[in-house]
């Protein structure tokens, strides 16, 4: 309950529309991952848990401000056909040898980019650069969380191809917003990942296998709920907005066998595992006395209207 209240406070302090997992879910996932780390990593991560929690959303903010950021959050596996996982090279140098780089970027480079962030975090540990460790830990948590979202793996990312616009935000923002306070988020201790890039692809394939159920269950429930029961109205930031009703949201979560909770748990465990693996690969540096004054100066993330990114309506 304490964590829930902290994150609600953060949500009120930063009342932006939720993107991808949403501010609430990304922050919660990063925060919970800290508790799976070994004692040797706690002097840094526990003391900086608020930074890692708050900065979990920065990659989403950069989508609207930095050219080349948006494609780091997803991959349209179905663009490459039913054999995508066999066709796509697992490592970036091989991928750009097989496909034009602009084609890859147009359909998302999430798995390759997340691995590059992981390598960057490993270098930061090796250099004992506190500011870089914190920034890249928060970023890596965000990217890995995104790749565990089924709708980040399909060109039908918001149900726009099946008349289900808004399902993206429904699955990853509305469901956690209403139900996550009752989820169990202890996922065990962080474990070493032998092949990080392949582990990322495994997570993407697993998430992609859920796309059909994400869409099908929403469609079936919509047939059972009249509009005045599927939707309700809430006041947010002084505005009355239409949202998915609590009854519809709860029915959806149950019909999916608590899929959102399961994917949030997988994200938490994966993030902790990757932070831990980066630290191990860097030689397990002592995190009690690191170089630098601490956190990077706050990113100045100003939206650039010239940058066009995918729209993910949340309601």
Protein backbone atom coordinates (compact mmCIF):
# COMPACT_ATOMS: atom_id res chain seq x y z
CA UNK A 1 0.00 0.00 0.00
CA UNK A 2 2.91 2.36 0.74
CA UNK A 3 4.28 1.87 -2.77
CA UNK A 4 0.82 2.42 -4.25
CA UNK A 5 0.43 5.73 -2.39
CA UNK A 6 3.90 6.90 -3.46
CA UNK A 7 3.16 6.20 -7.11
CA UNK A 8 -0.25 7.87 -6.99
CA UNK A 9 1.54 10.94 -5.60
CA UNK A 10 4.00 10.82 -8.49
CA UNK A 11 1.14 10.49 -10.95
CA UNK A 12 -0.46 13.63 -9.53
CA UNK A 13 2.84 15.51 -9.67
CA UNK A 14 3.35 14.58 -13.33
CA UNK A 15 -0.17 14.51 -14.80
CA UNK A 16 0.77 13.62 -18.38
CA UNK A 17 -1.31 11.18 -20.38
CA UNK A 18 0.05 7.66 -19.76
CA UNK A 19 2.14 6.24 -22.60
CA UNK A 20 3.01 2.62 -23.28
CA UNK A 21 2.99 0.83 -19.88
CA UNK A 22 1.94 4.20 -18.53
CA UNK A 23 3.67 6.37 -15.95
CA UNK A 24 2.20 4.41 -13.07
CA UNK A 25 3.13 0.95 -14.36
CA UNK A 26 6.64 1.84 -15.57
CA UNK A 27 7.43 3.50 -12.25
CA UNK A 28 6.04 0.59 -10.25
CA UNK A 29 7.92 -1.99 -12.33
CA UNK A 30 11.28 -0.22 -11.98
CA UNK A 31 10.75 0.30 -8.26
CA UNK A 32 9.85 -3.31 -7.55
CA UNK A 33 12.85 -4.60 -9.51
CA UNK A 34 15.17 -2.99 -6.95
CA UNK A 35 13.98 -5.36 -4.22
CA UNK A 36 15.20 -8.42 -6.15
CA UNK A 37 18.81 -7.22 -6.23
CA UNK A 38 21.53 -8.74 -4.00
CA UNK A 39 22.79 -6.89 -0.90
CA UNK A 40 25.95 -5.81 -2.73
CA UNK A 41 23.91 -3.68 -5.13
CA UNK A 42 21.62 -2.15 -2.53
CA UNK A 43 23.92 0.68 -1.37
CA UNK A 44 23.30 2.33 -4.74
CA UNK A 45 19.89 1.09 -5.87
CA UNK A 46 18.07 1.32 -2.54
CA UNK A 47 19.41 4.79 -1.82
CA UNK A 48 18.47 5.96 -5.33
CA UNK A 49 15.17 4.12 -5.61
CA UNK A 50 13.20 7.35 -6.00
CA UNK A 51 15.32 8.39 -8.98
CA UNK A 52 14.93 4.99 -10.66
CA UNK A 53 11.19 5.15 -9.99
CA UNK A 54 10.65 8.70 -11.24
CA UNK A 55 12.92 8.47 -14.29
CA UNK A 56 11.28 5.28 -15.54
CA UNK A 57 9.12 7.42 -17.81
CA UNK A 58 11.90 9.47 -19.41
CA UNK A 59 12.23 7.31 -22.54
CA UNK A 60 8.55 7.94 -23.29
CA UNK A 61 9.05 11.68 -22.94
CA UNK A 62 12.00 11.49 -25.32
CA UNK A 63 9.79 9.94 -27.98
CA UNK A 64 8.37 13.38 -28.71
CA UNK A 65 11.68 15.22 -28.42
CA UNK A 66 14.48 13.06 -29.83
CA UNK A 67 14.66 11.76 -33.39
CA UNK A 68 15.25 8.01 -33.39
CA UNK A 69 13.81 7.39 -29.92
CA UNK A 70 10.31 6.17 -30.80
CA UNK A 71 11.43 3.03 -32.64
CA UNK A 72 13.32 1.81 -29.57
CA UNK A 73 10.06 0.94 -27.81
CA UNK A 74 8.58 -1.74 -30.08
CA UNK A 75 8.96 -4.15 -32.97
CA UNK A 76 6.28 -5.13 -35.48
CA UNK A 77 7.03 -8.84 -35.71
CA UNK A 78 4.03 -9.48 -37.95
CA UNK A 79 5.45 -7.13 -40.58
CA UNK A 80 8.00 -9.85 -41.30
CA UNK A 81 5.43 -12.65 -41.60
CA UNK A 82 4.73 -15.80 -39.63
CA UNK A 83 8.40 -16.78 -39.59
CA UNK A 84 9.62 -13.43 -38.27
CA UNK A 85 11.52 -14.89 -35.35
CA UNK A 86 13.45 -17.14 -37.72
CA UNK A 87 13.97 -14.48 -40.38
CA UNK A 88 15.19 -11.64 -38.18
CA UNK A 89 18.85 -11.79 -37.10
CA UNK A 90 19.17 -11.62 -33.34
CA UNK A 91 22.09 -9.19 -33.34
CA UNK A 92 22.07 -5.70 -34.85
CA UNK A 93 25.18 -5.94 -37.07
CA UNK A 94 23.71 -8.99 -38.81
CA UNK A 95 20.27 -7.36 -39.00
CA UNK A 96 21.49 -4.32 -40.93
CA UNK A 97 23.36 -6.61 -43.29
CA UNK A 98 20.15 -8.46 -44.12
CA UNK A 99 17.63 -5.58 -44.12
CA UNK A 100 17.88 -1.85 -44.93
CA UNK A 101 18.32 0.03 -41.68
CA UNK A 102 15.47 2.42 -42.48
CA UNK A 103 13.13 -0.57 -42.90
CA UNK A 104 14.14 -1.97 -39.54
CA UNK A 105 13.67 1.38 -37.83
CA UNK A 106 10.30 1.93 -39.49
CA UNK A 107 9.00 -1.25 -37.87
CA UNK A 108 10.77 -0.96 -34.54
CA UNK A 109 14.19 -1.88 -33.22
CA UNK A 110 13.20 -2.60 -29.61
CA UNK A 111 15.05 -5.89 -29.01
CA UNK A 112 18.33 -4.69 -30.52
CA UNK A 113 18.16 -1.29 -28.87
CA UNK A 114 17.45 -2.73 -25.41
CA UNK A 115 20.54 -4.89 -25.74
CA UNK A 116 22.63 -1.83 -26.60
CA UNK A 117 21.31 -0.10 -23.49
CA UNK A 118 22.29 -3.18 -21.47
CA UNK A 119 25.83 -3.00 -22.89
CA UNK A 120 25.92 0.70 -22.03
CA UNK A 121 24.94 -0.10 -18.45
CA UNK A 122 27.69 -2.72 -18.26
CA UNK A 123 30.23 -0.11 -19.39
CA UNK A 124 28.91 2.35 -16.82
CA UNK A 125 29.43 -0.22 -14.06
CA UNK A 126 32.94 -0.94 -15.36
CA UNK A 127 33.74 2.79 -15.29
CA UNK A 128 32.05 3.18 -11.88
CA UNK A 129 30.10 6.11 -13.30
CA UNK A 130 27.25 6.62 -10.86
CA UNK A 131 25.23 9.05 -12.97
CA UNK A 132 25.37 6.80 -16.03
CA UNK A 133 24.50 3.70 -14.00
CA UNK A 134 21.36 5.34 -12.64
CA UNK A 135 20.26 6.84 -15.94
CA UNK A 136 20.83 3.66 -17.93
CA UNK A 137 19.23 1.48 -15.25
CA UNK A 138 16.06 3.56 -15.44
CA UNK A 139 16.12 3.51 -19.25
CA UNK A 140 16.80 -0.22 -19.50
CA UNK A 141 13.92 -0.94 -17.13
CA UNK A 142 11.62 1.05 -19.38
CA UNK A 143 12.69 -0.63 -22.61
CA UNK A 144 12.51 -4.17 -21.19
CA UNK A 145 9.10 -3.39 -19.72
CA UNK A 146 7.84 -2.22 -23.10
CA UNK A 147 9.00 -5.40 -24.81
CA UNK A 148 6.90 -7.47 -22.42
CA UNK A 149 3.74 -5.70 -23.63
CA UNK A 150 2.02 -7.77 -26.36
CA UNK A 151 0.86 -4.73 -28.33
CA UNK A 152 4.46 -3.54 -28.63
CA UNK A 153 5.13 -6.49 -30.92
CA UNK A 154 2.49 -5.96 -33.61
CA UNK A 155 1.61 -3.47 -36.33
CA UNK A 156 -1.95 -3.56 -34.91
CA UNK A 157 -0.50 -1.80 -31.87
CA UNK A 158 -3.67 0.09 -30.91
CA UNK A 159 -6.32 -2.15 -32.40
CA UNK A 160 -6.59 0.30 -35.30
CA UNK A 161 -6.65 -2.55 -37.83
CA UNK A 162 -9.49 -4.38 -36.07
CA UNK A 163 -11.76 -1.54 -34.96
CA UNK A 164 -10.48 -1.69 -31.37
CA UNK A 165 -8.85 1.72 -31.08
CA UNK A 166 -7.77 2.49 -27.53
CA UNK A 167 -6.95 -1.08 -26.52
CA UNK A 168 -3.26 -0.22 -26.20
CA UNK A 169 -3.79 2.17 -23.31
CA UNK A 170 -6.56 -0.01 -21.89
CA UNK A 171 -4.29 -3.03 -21.50
CA UNK A 172 -1.20 -1.28 -20.20
CA UNK A 173 -2.55 1.78 -18.39
CA UNK A 174 -6.17 1.36 -17.32
CA UNK A 175 -5.85 -2.23 -16.09
CA UNK A 176 -2.81 -1.55 -13.86
CA UNK A 177 -4.25 1.78 -12.74
CA UNK A 178 -7.32 0.06 -11.31
CA UNK A 179 -5.99 -3.34 -10.27
CA UNK A 180 -2.23 -3.28 -9.63
CA UNK A 181 -2.63 -2.41 -5.96
CA UNK A 182 -3.84 -5.99 -5.46
CA UNK A 183 -1.07 -7.66 -7.47
CA UNK A 184 1.73 -9.68 -5.92
CA UNK A 185 5.08 -8.32 -7.10
CA UNK A 186 7.69 -10.34 -5.22
CA UNK A 187 9.40 -12.27 -8.01
CA UNK A 188 12.40 -13.76 -6.21
CA UNK A 189 16.07 -12.91 -6.34
CA UNK A 190 17.84 -11.62 -9.44
CA UNK A 191 19.59 -14.29 -11.49
CA UNK A 192 22.43 -14.15 -13.99
CA UNK A 193 21.40 -14.11 -17.67
CA UNK A 194 23.79 -16.16 -19.80
CA UNK A 195 22.69 -14.77 -23.18
CA UNK A 196 21.01 -11.38 -22.67
CA UNK A 197 20.24 -10.62 -26.33
CA UNK A 198 18.56 -13.99 -26.82
CA UNK A 199 16.66 -13.56 -23.53
CA UNK A 200 15.25 -10.29 -24.86
CA UNK A 201 14.06 -12.03 -28.01
CA UNK A 202 12.48 -14.81 -25.93
CA UNK A 203 10.49 -12.18 -24.02
CA UNK A 204 9.36 -10.54 -27.26
CA UNK A 205 8.22 -13.85 -28.75
CA UNK A 206 6.34 -14.71 -25.57
CA UNK A 207 4.61 -11.32 -25.55
CA UNK A 208 3.74 -11.62 -29.24
CA UNK A 209 2.06 -14.98 -28.62
CA UNK A 210 -0.47 -13.10 -26.46
CA UNK A 211 -1.58 -10.59 -29.09
CA UNK A 212 -4.47 -12.74 -30.29
CA UNK A 213 -5.93 -13.14 -26.80
CA UNK A 214 -5.48 -9.43 -26.00
CA UNK A 215 -7.66 -8.55 -28.99
CA UNK A 216 -10.07 -11.48 -28.92
CA UNK A 217 -11.07 -11.13 -25.27
CA UNK A 218 -11.73 -7.40 -25.63
CA UNK A 219 -13.87 -8.07 -28.69
CA UNK A 220 -15.87 -10.80 -26.92
CA UNK A 221 -16.49 -8.68 -23.83
CA UNK A 222 -17.50 -5.67 -25.94
CA UNK A 223 -20.26 -7.83 -27.41
CA UNK A 224 -21.53 -8.49 -23.87
CA UNK A 225 -21.28 -4.96 -22.44
CA UNK A 226 -23.45 -2.11 -23.75
CA UNK A 227 -21.54 1.14 -24.17
CA UNK A 228 -22.94 2.67 -20.99
CA UNK A 229 -21.48 -0.28 -19.04
CA UNK A 230 -18.24 -0.62 -20.98
CA UNK A 231 -17.36 3.02 -20.34
CA UNK A 232 -17.73 5.43 -17.46
CA UNK A 233 -16.69 9.01 -16.78
CA UNK A 234 -14.06 10.31 -14.39
CA UNK A 235 -12.62 13.71 -13.59
CA UNK A 236 -8.91 14.09 -14.38
CA UNK A 237 -6.95 17.31 -14.14
CA UNK A 238 -10.17 19.28 -14.03
CA UNK A 239 -11.64 17.56 -17.08
CA UNK A 240 -14.38 14.96 -17.33
CA UNK A 241 -13.09 12.13 -19.53
CA UNK A 242 -14.50 8.85 -20.77
CA UNK A 243 -12.66 5.79 -19.47
CA UNK A 244 -13.14 2.04 -19.49
CA UNK A 245 -15.42 1.19 -16.58
CA UNK A 246 -14.19 -0.69 -13.54
CA UNK A 247 -16.56 -3.59 -14.26
CA UNK A 248 -15.36 -3.95 -17.86
CA UNK A 249 -11.72 -3.63 -16.80
CA UNK A 250 -12.08 -6.26 -14.09
CA UNK A 251 -13.90 -8.63 -16.42
CA UNK A 252 -11.16 -8.19 -19.01
CA UNK A 253 -8.38 -8.93 -16.53
CA UNK A 254 -10.13 -12.06 -15.30
CA UNK A 255 -10.92 -13.31 -18.81
CA UNK A 256 -7.22 -12.90 -19.70
CA UNK A 257 -6.29 -14.97 -16.65
CA UNK A 258 -4.53 -11.94 -15.12
CA UNK A 259 -2.21 -11.61 -18.10
CA UNK A 260 -1.32 -7.99 -17.30
CA UNK A 261 -0.20 -8.94 -13.80
CA UNK A 262 1.85 -11.85 -15.16
CA UNK A 263 3.60 -9.64 -17.70
CA UNK A 264 4.32 -6.98 -15.09
CA UNK A 265 5.89 -9.66 -12.90
CA UNK A 266 7.95 -10.93 -15.84
CA UNK A 267 9.12 -7.38 -16.49
CA UNK A 268 10.17 -6.87 -12.88
CA UNK A 269 12.15 -10.11 -12.80
CA UNK A 270 13.74 -9.47 -16.18
CA UNK A 271 14.83 -5.96 -15.24
CA UNK A 272 16.39 -7.11 -11.97
CA UNK A 273 18.15 -9.96 -13.79
CA UNK A 274 19.58 -7.58 -16.41
CA UNK A 275 20.78 -5.00 -13.87
CA UNK A 276 22.43 -7.81 -11.94
CA UNK A 277 23.98 -9.35 -15.06
CA UNK A 278 25.44 -6.01 -16.16
CA UNK A 279 27.01 -5.60 -12.71
CA UNK A 280 28.44 -9.15 -12.78
CA UNK A 281 29.83 -8.71 -16.29
CA UNK A 282 31.56 -5.51 -15.18
CA UNK A 283 33.41 -7.39 -12.45
CA UNK A 284 31.04 -6.69 -9.53
CA UNK A 285 32.36 -3.21 -8.69
CA UNK A 286 31.85 -1.84 -5.20
CA UNK A 287 28.78 0.39 -5.45
CA UNK A 288 29.34 2.18 -2.16
CA UNK A 289 31.86 4.69 -3.49
CA UNK A 290 31.33 5.66 -7.10
CA UNK A 291 32.72 8.49 -9.20
CA UNK A 292 30.74 11.59 -10.00
CA UNK A 293 28.38 13.67 -7.97
CA UNK A 294 25.50 11.30 -8.55
CA UNK A 295 22.62 11.77 -10.91
CA UNK A 296 22.87 13.43 -14.30
CA UNK A 297 21.42 16.88 -14.54
CA UNK A 298 17.71 16.49 -15.22
CA UNK A 299 17.03 15.90 -18.88
CA UNK A 300 15.51 18.86 -20.62
CA UNK A 301 12.91 17.08 -22.71
CA UNK A 302 11.00 19.59 -24.81
CA UNK A 303 8.52 18.14 -27.32
CA UNK A 304 9.40 18.80 -30.95
CA UNK A 305 6.23 19.21 -33.06
CA UNK A 306 8.13 18.09 -36.16
CA UNK A 307 8.63 14.61 -34.72
CA UNK A 308 5.77 12.30 -35.66
CA UNK A 309 5.29 9.18 -33.54
CA UNK A 310 2.66 6.50 -33.22
CA UNK A 311 -0.47 7.54 -31.40
CA UNK A 312 -1.60 5.26 -28.60
CA UNK A 313 -4.96 6.51 -27.39
CA UNK A 314 -5.41 5.41 -23.83
CA UNK A 315 -9.15 5.36 -23.57
